[in-house]
Amino acid sequence: MHQHDAADLARRLAGQAEAVCRHYLPAGRRQGHYWLVGDARNTPGRSMFVRLQGGEGKAPVKTPRRAMGQLLGHAVRFGVASGVMAMGEGIETVLSISMVLPELPMAACLSSAHLAASAFPALLRRLYVIRDDDPAGDHTAKALCQRAPAVGIEAIVLSPRLADFNDDLRHLGRGALRSVLRPQLAPQDVAPLMDGTV
């Protein structure tokens, strides 16, 4: 995939942000360029927000990362938890991987601290830890890889080529993202997760 195709894909994904919020966070509502909801458990309110539109980079606010409510152990979930799933820090990163692994249930934990302390679903036997390439990502991956085996869960770290998987998708393209992920998957997961996806 060419770089301009990846940019088009990123624009189309961004164009679906409100539909994703309406589906997964129906207790929320749109206000300007944001979807407001109480928390990641879909409680009505205005404590958590998702940016629906905007350009490159972060929103121009003085304190861009604030969440209120009881988030510890919770996440924004995409798909139904099963024996194999992935967990990552940010919604954009998790949704970027879902572009090439749509059958893999995923959870965005909203911060590296919440990812490190995330609760494991009862059925989980293999966890893909979606790592950001920074010190917080390293610390989180290490923490999850230490916790998971103690409860009978195999932990496999997925590492991006660039800063995170959203950067990989936007700058390298969908085909390159598939190539980055394929050798990192457990052999038994390659066919069910990658075959039949473009």
N, C-alpha and C. Protein backbone atom coordinates (compact mmCIF):
# COMPACT_ATOMS: atom_id res chain seq x y z
N MET A 1 0.86 -1.17 0.00
CA MET A 1 0.00 0.00 0.00
C MET A 1 0.90 1.23 0.00
N HIS A 2 0.58 2.20 -0.80
CA HIS A 2 1.34 3.44 -0.87
C HIS A 2 1.00 4.33 0.30
N GLN A 3 1.89 5.29 0.58
CA GLN A 3 1.68 6.17 1.72
C GLN A 3 0.40 6.98 1.58
N HIS A 4 0.06 7.40 0.34
CA HIS A 4 -1.18 8.16 0.19
C HIS A 4 -2.41 7.29 0.44
N ASP A 5 -2.31 5.98 0.18
CA ASP A 5 -3.41 5.07 0.51
C ASP A 5 -3.60 4.96 2.02
N ALA A 6 -2.50 4.93 2.78
CA ALA A 6 -2.57 4.87 4.25
C ALA A 6 -3.20 6.14 4.79
N ALA A 7 -2.84 7.28 4.22
CA ALA A 7 -3.43 8.55 4.67
C ALA A 7 -4.93 8.56 4.40
N ASP A 8 -5.33 8.03 3.24
CA ASP A 8 -6.76 7.95 2.93
C ASP A 8 -7.47 7.01 3.90
N LEU A 9 -6.84 5.88 4.22
CA LEU A 9 -7.42 4.94 5.18
C LEU A 9 -7.56 5.58 6.55
N ALA A 10 -6.54 6.33 6.97
CA ALA A 10 -6.60 7.01 8.27
C ALA A 10 -7.73 8.04 8.28
N ARG A 11 -7.90 8.78 7.17
CA ARG A 11 -8.99 9.75 7.08
C ARG A 11 -10.35 9.06 7.15
N ARG A 12 -10.46 7.91 6.44
CA ARG A 12 -11.75 7.18 6.47
C ARG A 12 -12.03 6.63 7.86
N LEU A 13 -11.01 6.13 8.55
CA LEU A 13 -11.17 5.63 9.91
C LEU A 13 -11.59 6.77 10.84
N ALA A 14 -10.94 7.92 10.70
CA ALA A 14 -11.30 9.09 11.51
C ALA A 14 -12.73 9.51 11.22
N GLY A 15 -13.17 9.35 9.97
CA GLY A 15 -14.54 9.69 9.61
C GLY A 15 -15.56 8.78 10.25
N GLN A 16 -15.14 7.63 10.76
CA GLN A 16 -16.04 6.67 11.40
C GLN A 16 -16.05 6.82 12.93
N ALA A 17 -15.29 7.77 13.46
CA ALA A 17 -15.16 7.90 14.91
C ALA A 17 -16.50 8.06 15.60
N GLU A 18 -17.38 8.88 15.04
CA GLU A 18 -18.68 9.07 15.69
C GLU A 18 -19.51 7.79 15.65
N ALA A 19 -19.47 7.06 14.54
CA ALA A 19 -20.22 5.80 14.44
C ALA A 19 -19.70 4.78 15.46
N VAL A 20 -18.38 4.72 15.63
CA VAL A 20 -17.80 3.81 16.62
C VAL A 20 -18.27 4.20 18.02
N CYS A 21 -18.25 5.50 18.32
CA CYS A 21 -18.70 5.96 19.64
C CYS A 21 -20.18 5.67 19.85
N ARG A 22 -21.00 5.92 18.82
CA ARG A 22 -22.44 5.64 18.95
C ARG A 22 -22.69 4.16 19.23
N HIS A 23 -21.87 3.30 18.63
CA HIS A 23 -22.06 1.85 18.80
C HIS A 23 -21.56 1.37 20.17
N TYR A 24 -20.33 1.77 20.55
CA TYR A 24 -19.70 1.25 21.76
C TYR A 24 -19.97 2.08 23.00
N LEU A 25 -20.35 3.35 22.82
CA LEU A 25 -20.60 4.24 23.96
C LEU A 25 -21.94 4.96 23.76
N PRO A 26 -23.05 4.20 23.63
CA PRO A 26 -24.34 4.82 23.29
C PRO A 26 -24.91 5.73 24.38
N ALA A 27 -24.42 5.66 25.60
CA ALA A 27 -24.91 6.55 26.65
C ALA A 27 -24.34 7.96 26.50
N GLY A 28 -23.36 8.11 25.62
CA GLY A 28 -22.74 9.42 25.41
C GLY A 28 -23.50 10.25 24.39
N ARG A 29 -22.92 11.43 24.13
CA ARG A 29 -23.53 12.32 23.15
C ARG A 29 -22.44 13.17 22.52
N ARG A 30 -22.74 13.66 21.35
CA ARG A 30 -21.80 14.54 20.66
C ARG A 30 -21.92 15.95 21.20
N GLN A 31 -20.77 16.59 21.41
CA GLN A 31 -20.75 18.00 21.76
C GLN A 31 -19.57 18.60 21.00
N GLY A 32 -19.87 19.39 19.98
CA GLY A 32 -18.83 19.97 19.15
C GLY A 32 -18.04 18.88 18.45
N HIS A 33 -16.73 18.90 18.63
CA HIS A 33 -15.85 17.92 17.99
C HIS A 33 -15.56 16.72 18.87
N TYR A 34 -16.33 16.54 19.94
CA TYR A 34 -16.06 15.46 20.90
C TYR A 34 -17.30 14.63 21.18
N TRP A 35 -17.07 13.37 21.57
CA TRP A 35 -18.11 12.49 22.08
C TRP A 35 -17.91 12.43 23.59
N LEU A 36 -18.91 12.83 24.34
CA LEU A 36 -18.80 12.87 25.80
C LEU A 36 -19.59 11.72 26.41
N VAL A 37 -18.99 11.07 27.39
CA VAL A 37 -19.64 9.97 28.10
C VAL A 37 -19.04 9.95 29.51
N GLY A 38 -19.72 9.31 30.44
CA GLY A 38 -19.26 9.30 31.82
C GLY A 38 -17.95 8.58 32.03
N ASP A 39 -17.80 7.39 31.46
CA ASP A 39 -16.58 6.62 31.65
C ASP A 39 -16.51 5.51 30.61
N ALA A 40 -15.46 4.70 30.68
CA ALA A 40 -15.24 3.64 29.71
C ALA A 40 -16.27 2.51 29.82
N ARG A 41 -17.07 2.52 30.92
CA ARG A 41 -18.13 1.50 31.08
C ARG A 41 -19.44 1.98 30.49
N ASN A 42 -19.43 3.12 29.77
CA ASN A 42 -20.61 3.66 29.11
C ASN A 42 -21.62 4.26 30.08
N THR A 43 -21.14 4.74 31.21
CA THR A 43 -22.02 5.42 32.17
C THR A 43 -22.35 6.80 31.60
N PRO A 44 -23.62 7.22 31.69
CA PRO A 44 -23.95 8.57 31.22
C PRO A 44 -23.15 9.63 32.00
N GLY A 45 -22.76 10.67 31.32
CA GLY A 45 -22.02 11.75 31.96
C GLY A 45 -21.13 12.47 30.98
N ARG A 46 -20.15 13.23 31.51
CA ARG A 46 -19.27 14.01 30.65
C ARG A 46 -17.81 13.94 31.07
N SER A 47 -17.42 12.93 31.81
CA SER A 47 -16.06 12.86 32.34
C SER A 47 -15.04 12.37 31.32
N MET A 48 -15.45 11.57 30.37
CA MET A 48 -14.54 11.04 29.36
C MET A 48 -14.95 11.61 28.01
N PHE A 49 -13.96 11.94 27.18
CA PHE A 49 -14.27 12.43 25.85
C PHE A 49 -13.42 11.75 24.80
N VAL A 50 -13.98 11.65 23.59
CA VAL A 50 -13.28 11.12 22.44
C VAL A 50 -13.32 12.19 21.37
N ARG A 51 -12.16 12.56 20.84
CA ARG A 51 -12.12 13.57 19.78
C ARG A 51 -12.65 12.95 18.50
N LEU A 52 -13.63 13.58 17.88
CA LEU A 52 -14.25 13.07 16.66
C LEU A 52 -13.62 13.63 15.40
N GLN A 53 -13.12 14.83 15.48
CA GLN A 53 -12.54 15.49 14.31
C GLN A 53 -11.29 16.19 14.73
N GLY A 54 -10.48 16.54 13.76
CA GLY A 54 -9.29 17.33 14.08
C GLY A 54 -8.15 16.94 13.19
N GLY A 55 -7.09 17.71 13.27
CA GLY A 55 -5.93 17.50 12.43
C GLY A 55 -4.93 16.59 13.09
N GLU A 56 -3.68 16.75 12.66
CA GLU A 56 -2.59 15.94 13.20
C GLU A 56 -2.33 16.28 14.66
N GLY A 57 -1.82 15.36 15.41
CA GLY A 57 -1.38 15.63 16.77
C GLY A 57 -2.50 15.67 17.78
N LYS A 58 -2.19 16.20 18.93
CA LYS A 58 -3.12 16.24 20.06
C LYS A 58 -3.98 17.48 20.01
N ALA A 59 -5.10 17.42 20.70
CA ALA A 59 -5.98 18.57 20.81
C ALA A 59 -5.25 19.68 21.58
N PRO A 60 -5.44 20.95 21.18
CA PRO A 60 -4.71 22.05 21.83
C PRO A 60 -5.34 22.45 23.16
N VAL A 61 -5.15 21.62 24.18
CA VAL A 61 -5.67 21.91 25.51
C VAL A 61 -4.53 21.84 26.51
N LYS A 62 -4.64 22.57 27.62
CA LYS A 62 -3.55 22.63 28.60
C LYS A 62 -3.33 21.30 29.31
N THR A 63 -4.40 20.56 29.61
CA THR A 63 -4.30 19.27 30.29
C THR A 63 -5.01 18.23 29.44
N PRO A 64 -4.35 17.71 28.40
CA PRO A 64 -5.02 16.85 27.43
C PRO A 64 -5.42 15.47 27.91
N ARG A 65 -4.84 14.95 28.98
CA ARG A 65 -5.15 13.58 29.39
C ARG A 65 -5.72 13.59 30.80
N ARG A 66 -7.02 13.67 30.87
CA ARG A 66 -7.70 13.63 32.17
C ARG A 66 -8.89 12.71 32.04
N ALA A 67 -9.08 11.90 33.02
CA ALA A 67 -10.27 11.04 33.08
C ALA A 67 -10.71 11.00 34.53
N MET A 68 -12.01 11.01 34.70
CA MET A 68 -12.55 10.93 36.05
C MET A 68 -13.40 9.67 36.15
N GLY A 69 -13.56 9.20 37.34
CA GLY A 69 -14.36 8.00 37.52
C GLY A 69 -13.46 6.81 37.79
N GLN A 70 -14.07 5.66 37.92
CA GLN A 70 -13.36 4.43 38.26
C GLN A 70 -12.98 3.70 36.98
N LEU A 71 -11.81 4.01 36.43
CA LEU A 71 -11.35 3.38 35.20
C LEU A 71 -10.49 2.16 35.44
N LEU A 72 -9.85 2.08 36.61
CA LEU A 72 -8.91 1.00 36.86
C LEU A 72 -9.57 -0.36 36.68
N GLY A 73 -8.98 -1.17 35.85
CA GLY A 73 -9.52 -2.50 35.56
C GLY A 73 -10.52 -2.52 34.43
N HIS A 74 -10.90 -1.36 33.92
CA HIS A 74 -11.88 -1.27 32.84
C HIS A 74 -11.19 -0.80 31.57
N ALA A 75 -11.90 -0.93 30.44
CA ALA A 75 -11.34 -0.54 29.16
C ALA A 75 -12.47 -0.31 28.17
N VAL A 76 -12.13 0.34 27.07
CA VAL A 76 -13.05 0.44 25.93
C VAL A 76 -12.82 -0.83 25.13
N ARG A 77 -13.84 -1.65 25.03
CA ARG A 77 -13.69 -2.96 24.40
C ARG A 77 -14.22 -2.97 22.97
N PHE A 78 -13.49 -3.67 22.11
CA PHE A 78 -13.87 -3.84 20.72
C PHE A 78 -13.93 -5.34 20.48
N GLY A 79 -15.13 -5.88 20.38
CA GLY A 79 -15.33 -7.31 20.26
C GLY A 79 -15.60 -7.92 21.62
N VAL A 80 -15.90 -9.20 21.61
CA VAL A 80 -16.23 -9.93 22.84
C VAL A 80 -14.99 -10.70 23.29
N ALA A 81 -14.63 -10.54 24.55
CA ALA A 81 -13.46 -11.22 25.10
C ALA A 81 -13.57 -12.72 24.89
N SER A 82 -12.44 -13.34 24.55
CA SER A 82 -12.41 -14.78 24.33
C SER A 82 -11.07 -15.31 24.84
N GLY A 83 -10.67 -16.46 24.39
CA GLY A 83 -9.42 -17.05 24.83
C GLY A 83 -8.20 -16.30 24.34
N VAL A 84 -8.34 -15.58 23.24
CA VAL A 84 -7.25 -14.79 22.67
C VAL A 84 -7.75 -13.37 22.47
N MET A 85 -7.00 -12.40 22.97
CA MET A 85 -7.37 -11.00 22.73
C MET A 85 -6.13 -10.12 22.86
N ALA A 86 -6.29 -8.84 22.50
CA ALA A 86 -5.21 -7.87 22.60
C ALA A 86 -5.64 -6.71 23.48
N MET A 87 -4.68 -6.14 24.20
CA MET A 87 -4.93 -4.95 25.01
C MET A 87 -3.85 -3.93 24.70
N GLY A 88 -4.28 -2.67 24.58
CA GLY A 88 -3.35 -1.58 24.32
C GLY A 88 -3.73 -0.35 25.11
N GLU A 89 -2.89 0.67 24.98
CA GLU A 89 -3.12 1.89 25.74
C GLU A 89 -4.20 2.76 25.11
N GLY A 90 -4.04 3.19 23.87
CA GLY A 90 -4.93 4.17 23.27
C GLY A 90 -5.93 3.59 22.28
N ILE A 91 -7.03 4.28 22.13
CA ILE A 91 -8.07 3.86 21.19
C ILE A 91 -7.54 3.86 19.77
N GLU A 92 -6.78 4.91 19.37
CA GLU A 92 -6.27 4.98 18.00
C GLU A 92 -5.35 3.81 17.69
N THR A 93 -4.49 3.45 18.64
CA THR A 93 -3.56 2.35 18.44
C THR A 93 -4.31 1.03 18.29
N VAL A 94 -5.28 0.79 19.15
CA VAL A 94 -6.05 -0.44 19.11
C VAL A 94 -6.86 -0.53 17.82
N LEU A 95 -7.50 0.56 17.42
CA LEU A 95 -8.28 0.55 16.18
C LEU A 95 -7.39 0.39 14.96
N SER A 96 -6.15 0.87 15.01
CA SER A 96 -5.23 0.69 13.89
C SER A 96 -4.94 -0.80 13.69
N ILE A 97 -4.70 -1.52 14.78
CA ILE A 97 -4.45 -2.96 14.65
C ILE A 97 -5.72 -3.67 14.18
N SER A 98 -6.87 -3.21 14.62
CA SER A 98 -8.11 -3.86 14.19
C SER A 98 -8.35 -3.71 12.69
N MET A 99 -7.69 -2.76 12.05
CA MET A 99 -7.80 -2.62 10.60
C MET A 99 -7.21 -3.82 9.88
N VAL A 100 -6.22 -4.49 10.47
CA VAL A 100 -5.61 -5.65 9.83
C VAL A 100 -5.90 -6.96 10.56
N LEU A 101 -6.41 -6.88 11.80
CA LEU A 101 -6.78 -8.07 12.57
C LEU A 101 -8.22 -7.89 13.09
N PRO A 102 -9.19 -7.78 12.20
CA PRO A 102 -10.56 -7.46 12.64
C PRO A 102 -11.23 -8.55 13.48
N GLU A 103 -10.73 -9.76 13.44
CA GLU A 103 -11.34 -10.86 14.20
C GLU A 103 -10.82 -10.94 15.63
N LEU A 104 -9.77 -10.18 15.94
CA LEU A 104 -9.16 -10.24 17.27
C LEU A 104 -9.88 -9.30 18.22
N PRO A 105 -10.49 -9.81 19.29
CA PRO A 105 -11.09 -8.91 20.30
C PRO A 105 -10.00 -8.06 20.94
N MET A 106 -10.32 -6.80 21.20
CA MET A 106 -9.32 -5.88 21.73
C MET A 106 -9.92 -5.00 22.81
N ALA A 107 -9.02 -4.41 23.60
CA ALA A 107 -9.42 -3.46 24.63
C ALA A 107 -8.42 -2.32 24.67
N ALA A 108 -8.94 -1.10 24.69
CA ALA A 108 -8.11 0.10 24.86
C ALA A 108 -8.26 0.54 26.31
N CYS A 109 -7.17 0.54 27.05
CA CYS A 109 -7.23 0.80 28.49
C CYS A 109 -7.07 2.28 28.86
N LEU A 110 -6.80 3.13 27.88
CA LEU A 110 -6.81 4.60 27.98
C LEU A 110 -5.59 5.23 28.64
N SER A 111 -4.70 4.46 29.23
CA SER A 111 -3.42 4.98 29.72
C SER A 111 -2.50 3.80 29.95
N SER A 112 -1.20 4.08 30.01
CA SER A 112 -0.25 2.99 30.25
C SER A 112 -0.43 2.41 31.66
N ALA A 113 -0.75 3.26 32.64
CA ALA A 113 -0.99 2.77 34.00
C ALA A 113 -2.21 1.86 34.06
N HIS A 114 -3.28 2.23 33.37
CA HIS A 114 -4.48 1.39 33.37
C HIS A 114 -4.24 0.09 32.60
N LEU A 115 -3.43 0.16 31.54
CA LEU A 115 -3.09 -1.06 30.81
C LEU A 115 -2.30 -2.01 31.70
N ALA A 116 -1.32 -1.50 32.42
CA ALA A 116 -0.50 -2.34 33.29
C ALA A 116 -1.32 -3.01 34.39
N ALA A 117 -2.40 -2.34 34.83
CA ALA A 117 -3.24 -2.86 35.91
C ALA A 117 -4.55 -3.47 35.42
N SER A 118 -4.67 -3.69 34.12
CA SER A 118 -5.95 -4.15 33.57
C SER A 118 -6.36 -5.51 34.14
N ALA A 119 -7.67 -5.68 34.23
CA ALA A 119 -8.24 -6.95 34.70
C ALA A 119 -8.29 -7.92 33.52
N PHE A 120 -7.95 -9.17 33.77
CA PHE A 120 -7.97 -10.17 32.71
C PHE A 120 -9.35 -10.84 32.66
N PRO A 121 -9.96 -10.94 31.46
CA PRO A 121 -11.22 -11.67 31.35
C PRO A 121 -11.03 -13.14 31.75
N ALA A 122 -12.08 -13.74 32.27
CA ALA A 122 -12.00 -15.12 32.79
C ALA A 122 -11.59 -16.13 31.72
N LEU A 123 -12.02 -15.95 30.48
CA LEU A 123 -11.72 -16.92 29.41
C LEU A 123 -10.34 -16.75 28.80
N LEU A 124 -9.64 -15.69 29.11
CA LEU A 124 -8.39 -15.35 28.44
C LEU A 124 -7.29 -16.37 28.71
N ARG A 125 -6.66 -16.82 27.62
CA ARG A 125 -5.54 -17.76 27.73
C ARG A 125 -4.29 -17.23 27.04
N ARG A 126 -4.47 -16.33 26.00
CA ARG A 126 -3.33 -15.71 25.34
C ARG A 126 -3.64 -14.23 25.15
N LEU A 127 -2.75 -13.38 25.67
CA LEU A 127 -2.92 -11.94 25.60
C LEU A 127 -1.84 -11.33 24.72
N TYR A 128 -2.27 -10.57 23.73
CA TYR A 128 -1.35 -9.77 22.93
C TYR A 128 -1.28 -8.39 23.57
N VAL A 129 -0.10 -8.02 24.02
CA VAL A 129 0.11 -6.72 24.66
C VAL A 129 0.57 -5.76 23.56
N ILE A 130 -0.26 -4.77 23.26
CA ILE A 130 0.05 -3.79 22.23
C ILE A 130 0.93 -2.71 22.86
N ARG A 131 2.21 -2.75 22.51
CA ARG A 131 3.22 -1.90 23.15
C ARG A 131 3.46 -0.64 22.33
N ASP A 132 3.47 0.51 22.99
CA ASP A 132 3.95 1.74 22.38
C ASP A 132 5.46 1.77 22.55
N ASP A 133 6.19 2.33 21.59
CA ASP A 133 7.65 2.34 21.64
C ASP A 133 8.15 3.56 22.41
N ASP A 134 7.99 3.49 23.73
CA ASP A 134 8.47 4.53 24.63
C ASP A 134 8.70 3.89 26.00
N PRO A 135 9.32 4.60 26.93
CA PRO A 135 9.59 3.99 28.25
C PRO A 135 8.33 3.50 28.96
N ALA A 136 7.22 4.25 28.87
CA ALA A 136 5.98 3.80 29.51
C ALA A 136 5.50 2.51 28.86
N GLY A 137 5.62 2.40 27.54
CA GLY A 137 5.24 1.17 26.85
C GLY A 137 6.08 -0.01 27.27
N ASP A 138 7.38 0.22 27.44
CA ASP A 138 8.29 -0.85 27.89
C ASP A 138 7.90 -1.32 29.29
N HIS A 139 7.66 -0.37 30.19
CA HIS A 139 7.30 -0.70 31.57
C HIS A 139 5.98 -1.48 31.62
N THR A 140 5.01 -1.03 30.85
CA THR A 140 3.69 -1.68 30.83
C THR A 140 3.79 -3.10 30.30
N ALA A 141 4.50 -3.28 29.19
CA ALA A 141 4.66 -4.62 28.62
C ALA A 141 5.33 -5.56 29.62
N LYS A 142 6.35 -5.06 30.29
CA LYS A 142 7.05 -5.89 31.30
C LYS A 142 6.10 -6.27 32.43
N ALA A 143 5.31 -5.31 32.91
CA ALA A 143 4.38 -5.58 34.02
C ALA A 143 3.35 -6.64 33.62
N LEU A 144 2.78 -6.51 32.44
CA LEU A 144 1.76 -7.49 32.00
C LEU A 144 2.39 -8.86 31.76
N CYS A 145 3.59 -8.89 31.23
CA CYS A 145 4.27 -10.18 30.99
C CYS A 145 4.66 -10.87 32.29
N GLN A 146 4.76 -10.13 33.37
CA GLN A 146 5.02 -10.74 34.68
C GLN A 146 3.72 -11.20 35.33
N ARG A 147 2.63 -10.44 35.17
CA ARG A 147 1.35 -10.77 35.82
C ARG A 147 0.62 -11.92 35.13
N ALA A 148 0.61 -11.93 33.82
CA ALA A 148 -0.21 -12.88 33.07
C ALA A 148 0.11 -14.35 33.35
N PRO A 149 1.37 -14.79 33.30
CA PRO A 149 1.65 -16.21 33.54
C PRO A 149 1.21 -16.71 34.91
N ALA A 150 1.18 -15.81 35.89
CA ALA A 150 0.78 -16.21 37.24
C ALA A 150 -0.67 -16.67 37.30
N VAL A 151 -1.48 -16.26 36.30
CA VAL A 151 -2.88 -16.68 36.25
C VAL A 151 -3.16 -17.55 35.02
N GLY A 152 -2.10 -18.15 34.46
CA GLY A 152 -2.26 -19.10 33.36
C GLY A 152 -2.48 -18.47 32.00
N ILE A 153 -2.02 -17.25 31.80
CA ILE A 153 -2.20 -16.55 30.52
C ILE A 153 -0.83 -16.35 29.87
N GLU A 154 -0.74 -16.75 28.61
CA GLU A 154 0.47 -16.50 27.83
C GLU A 154 0.41 -15.05 27.35
N ALA A 155 1.46 -14.29 27.56
CA ALA A 155 1.52 -12.90 27.12
C ALA A 155 2.53 -12.77 25.99
N ILE A 156 2.10 -12.14 24.90
CA ILE A 156 2.95 -11.91 23.74
C ILE A 156 2.92 -10.41 23.44
N VAL A 157 4.09 -9.81 23.38
CA VAL A 157 4.18 -8.37 23.13
C VAL A 157 4.20 -8.11 21.63
N LEU A 158 3.37 -7.17 21.18
CA LEU A 158 3.37 -6.70 19.80
C LEU A 158 4.05 -5.34 19.78
N SER A 159 5.12 -5.21 19.01
CA SER A 159 5.89 -3.97 18.96
C SER A 159 5.78 -3.32 17.59
N PRO A 160 5.57 -1.99 17.54
CA PRO A 160 5.49 -1.28 16.27
C PRO A 160 6.87 -0.98 15.70
N ARG A 161 6.92 -0.60 14.43
CA ARG A 161 8.18 -0.13 13.84
C ARG A 161 8.45 1.31 14.24
N LEU A 162 7.39 2.12 14.29
CA LEU A 162 7.51 3.53 14.63
C LEU A 162 7.11 3.73 16.10
N ALA A 163 6.60 4.89 16.46
CA ALA A 163 6.27 5.18 17.85
C ALA A 163 5.11 4.34 18.37
N ASP A 164 4.11 4.09 17.52
CA ASP A 164 2.97 3.24 17.90
C ASP A 164 2.35 2.69 16.62
N PHE A 165 1.37 1.81 16.76
CA PHE A 165 0.77 1.17 15.59
C PHE A 165 -0.08 2.13 14.76
N ASN A 166 -0.57 3.21 15.37
CA ASN A 166 -1.28 4.21 14.58
C ASN A 166 -0.30 4.91 13.64
N ASP A 167 0.90 5.20 14.12
CA ASP A 167 1.93 5.77 13.24
C ASP A 167 2.30 4.78 12.14
N ASP A 168 2.42 3.50 12.48
CA ASP A 168 2.72 2.48 11.47
C ASP A 168 1.67 2.47 10.37
N LEU A 169 0.39 2.50 10.75
CA LEU A 169 -0.69 2.48 9.77
C LEU A 169 -0.67 3.74 8.92
N ARG A 170 -0.56 4.90 9.56
CA ARG A 170 -0.63 6.17 8.83
C ARG A 170 0.57 6.39 7.92
N HIS A 171 1.77 6.05 8.38
CA HIS A 171 2.97 6.38 7.63
C HIS A 171 3.50 5.24 6.76
N LEU A 172 3.26 3.99 7.16
CA LEU A 172 3.79 2.86 6.41
C LEU A 172 2.72 2.17 5.56
N GLY A 173 1.47 2.25 6.00
CA GLY A 173 0.38 1.64 5.24
C GLY A 173 -0.09 0.33 5.83
N ARG A 174 -1.24 -0.08 5.35
CA ARG A 174 -1.90 -1.29 5.86
C ARG A 174 -1.10 -2.56 5.59
N GLY A 175 -0.54 -2.67 4.38
CA GLY A 175 0.25 -3.84 4.04
C GLY A 175 1.49 -3.98 4.92
N ALA A 176 2.15 -2.86 5.16
CA ALA A 176 3.33 -2.88 6.03
C ALA A 176 2.95 -3.24 7.46
N LEU A 177 1.79 -2.73 7.92
CA LEU A 177 1.34 -3.06 9.28
C LEU A 177 1.08 -4.57 9.40
N ARG A 178 0.49 -5.16 8.37
CA ARG A 178 0.30 -6.63 8.37
C ARG A 178 1.65 -7.34 8.46
N SER A 179 2.63 -6.84 7.71
CA SER A 179 3.96 -7.44 7.71
C SER A 179 4.66 -7.30 9.07
N VAL A 180 4.41 -6.18 9.74
CA VAL A 180 4.99 -5.97 11.07
C VAL A 180 4.37 -6.95 12.07
N LEU A 181 3.05 -7.17 11.98
CA LEU A 181 2.34 -7.99 12.96
C LEU A 181 2.50 -9.50 12.74
N ARG A 182 2.50 -9.95 11.49
CA ARG A 182 2.50 -11.39 11.19
C ARG A 182 3.54 -12.18 11.95
N PRO A 183 4.83 -11.82 11.92
CA PRO A 183 5.83 -12.65 12.63
C PRO A 183 5.74 -12.56 14.15
N GLN A 184 4.98 -11.60 14.66
CA GLN A 184 4.86 -11.45 16.11
C GLN A 184 3.72 -12.28 16.69
N LEU A 185 2.83 -12.79 15.83
CA LEU A 185 1.69 -13.59 16.29
C LEU A 185 2.12 -15.02 16.58
N ALA A 186 1.42 -15.66 17.51
CA ALA A 186 1.63 -17.09 17.75
C ALA A 186 1.28 -17.82 16.46
N PRO A 187 2.05 -18.83 16.06
CA PRO A 187 1.80 -19.52 14.79
C PRO A 187 0.35 -19.98 14.62
N GLN A 188 -0.26 -20.46 15.71
CA GLN A 188 -1.63 -20.95 15.61
C GLN A 188 -2.66 -19.84 15.41
N ASP A 189 -2.26 -18.58 15.62
CA ASP A 189 -3.18 -17.46 15.44
C ASP A 189 -3.09 -16.80 14.08
N VAL A 190 -2.03 -17.07 13.33
CA VAL A 190 -1.83 -16.39 12.04
C VAL A 190 -3.01 -16.65 11.10
N ALA A 191 -3.33 -17.91 10.87
CA ALA A 191 -4.41 -18.22 9.93
C ALA A 191 -5.76 -17.67 10.38
N PRO A 192 -6.21 -17.93 11.62
CA PRO A 192 -7.52 -17.42 11.99
C PRO A 192 -7.61 -15.89 12.05
N LEU A 193 -6.50 -15.23 12.35
CA LEU A 193 -6.56 -13.77 12.48
C LEU A 193 -6.21 -13.02 11.21
N MET A 194 -5.38 -13.62 10.32
CA MET A 194 -4.92 -12.87 9.15
C MET A 194 -5.48 -13.36 7.83
N ASP A 195 -5.76 -14.65 7.71
CA ASP A 195 -6.28 -15.14 6.44
C ASP A 195 -7.66 -14.56 6.19
N GLY A 196 -7.87 -14.14 4.97
CA GLY A 196 -9.16 -13.57 4.60
C GLY A 196 -9.24 -12.09 4.85
N THR A 197 -8.19 -11.47 5.42
CA THR A 197 -8.19 -10.01 5.57
C THR A 197 -7.29 -9.42 4.52
N VAL A 198 -7.61 -8.26 4.07
CA VAL A 198 -6.84 -7.61 3.00
C VAL A 198 -5.98 -6.52 3.58
